[in-house]
Amino acid sequence: MKKLSLILVVLLLAGCGSGGNETYTQTAPPPPAPPPSTLDTFYAYVRALIATSPDDAEPIAIEAVVATMPEDTEPVPEPI
């Protein structure tokens, strides 16, 4: 009888193991940071000219600079 009780207790304890109802979900890694935005070369050139030239100077020709229109970036907002 003791042997049967011992086997029954062992089987009951073995059946209670870990529960097994818990599901663990892995959180997704954070998205990579967006690449730093690069200014349009034409826009940067004109801004540099405006910043360095006095108001009463003669106009400077900017036809030699190629106006670029990148397809993969948004337009740069003009600062106020």
Protein backbone atom coordinates (compact mmCIF):
# COMPACT_ATOMS: atom_id res chain seq x y z
CA MET A 1 0.00 0.00 0.00
CA LYS A 2 2.83 2.37 0.86
CA LYS A 3 4.45 1.62 -2.46
CA LEU A 4 1.24 2.42 -4.35
CA SER A 5 0.76 5.66 -2.38
CA LEU A 6 4.34 6.68 -3.07
CA ILE A 7 3.93 6.03 -6.82
CA LEU A 8 0.65 7.98 -6.85
CA VAL A 9 2.24 10.97 -5.07
CA VAL A 10 5.21 10.93 -7.45
CA LEU A 11 2.88 10.87 -10.48
CA LEU A 12 0.80 13.74 -9.11
CA LEU A 13 3.86 15.86 -8.43
CA ALA A 14 5.33 15.08 -11.84
CA GLY A 15 2.09 16.19 -13.48
CA CYS A 16 2.18 19.54 -11.70
CA GLY A 17 5.56 20.45 -13.22
CA SER A 18 5.66 24.03 -14.44
CA GLY A 19 2.15 24.85 -15.52
CA GLY A 20 3.15 25.41 -19.12
CA ASN A 21 0.43 28.01 -19.78
CA GLU A 22 2.75 30.98 -19.88
CA THR A 23 3.72 32.30 -23.26
CA TYR A 24 6.62 34.66 -23.57
CA THR A 25 6.64 37.07 -26.45
CA GLN A 26 9.82 38.75 -27.46
CA THR A 27 9.60 42.46 -27.92
CA ALA A 28 10.72 43.70 -31.29
CA PRO A 29 13.99 45.60 -31.34
CA PRO A 30 13.61 49.35 -31.74
CA PRO A 31 13.64 50.53 -35.35
CA PRO A 32 16.96 51.84 -36.61
CA ALA A 33 17.48 55.57 -36.40
CA PRO A 34 16.74 57.42 -39.63
CA PRO A 35 19.81 58.51 -41.54
CA PRO A 36 20.82 62.10 -40.93
CA SER A 37 19.23 64.38 -43.46
CA THR A 38 21.63 65.99 -45.85
CA LEU A 39 20.92 69.42 -47.18
CA ASP A 40 20.49 69.97 -50.84
CA THR A 41 23.79 71.29 -52.25
CA PHE A 42 22.17 74.15 -54.15
CA TYR A 43 20.21 75.24 -51.10
CA ALA A 44 23.30 75.04 -48.88
CA TYR A 45 25.36 77.05 -51.39
CA VAL A 46 22.76 79.83 -51.65
CA ARG A 47 22.35 79.98 -47.86
CA ALA A 48 26.12 80.30 -47.45
CA LEU A 49 26.17 83.13 -50.02
CA ILE A 50 23.38 84.96 -48.23
CA ALA A 51 25.08 84.56 -44.87
CA THR A 52 28.46 85.87 -46.04
CA SER A 53 27.56 88.63 -48.48
CA PRO A 54 26.64 92.14 -47.36
CA ASP A 55 23.32 93.67 -48.37
CA ASP A 56 24.83 96.38 -50.55
CA ALA A 57 27.10 94.10 -52.63
CA GLU A 58 26.63 93.32 -56.30
CA PRO A 59 24.62 90.19 -57.14
CA ILE A 60 26.62 86.98 -57.47
CA ALA A 61 25.93 84.59 -60.36
CA ILE A 62 24.67 81.22 -59.23
CA GLU A 63 24.10 79.70 -62.67
CA ALA A 64 27.27 77.61 -62.35
CA VAL A 65 25.80 75.67 -59.43
CA VAL A 66 23.70 72.69 -60.49
CA ALA A 67 20.25 72.77 -58.96
CA THR A 68 19.68 69.32 -57.53
CA MET A 69 16.38 67.75 -56.66
CA PRO A 70 16.99 64.63 -54.57
CA GLU A 71 14.31 61.98 -54.92
CA ASP A 72 14.87 60.36 -51.53
CA THR A 73 14.57 63.34 -49.18
CA GLU A 74 11.93 65.81 -48.21
CA PRO A 75 12.29 69.49 -49.12
CA VAL A 76 14.18 71.51 -46.55
CA PRO A 77 11.91 74.04 -44.83
CA GLU A 78 13.03 77.61 -45.13
CA PRO A 79 13.87 79.09 -41.73
CA ILE A 80 12.01 82.19 -40.72
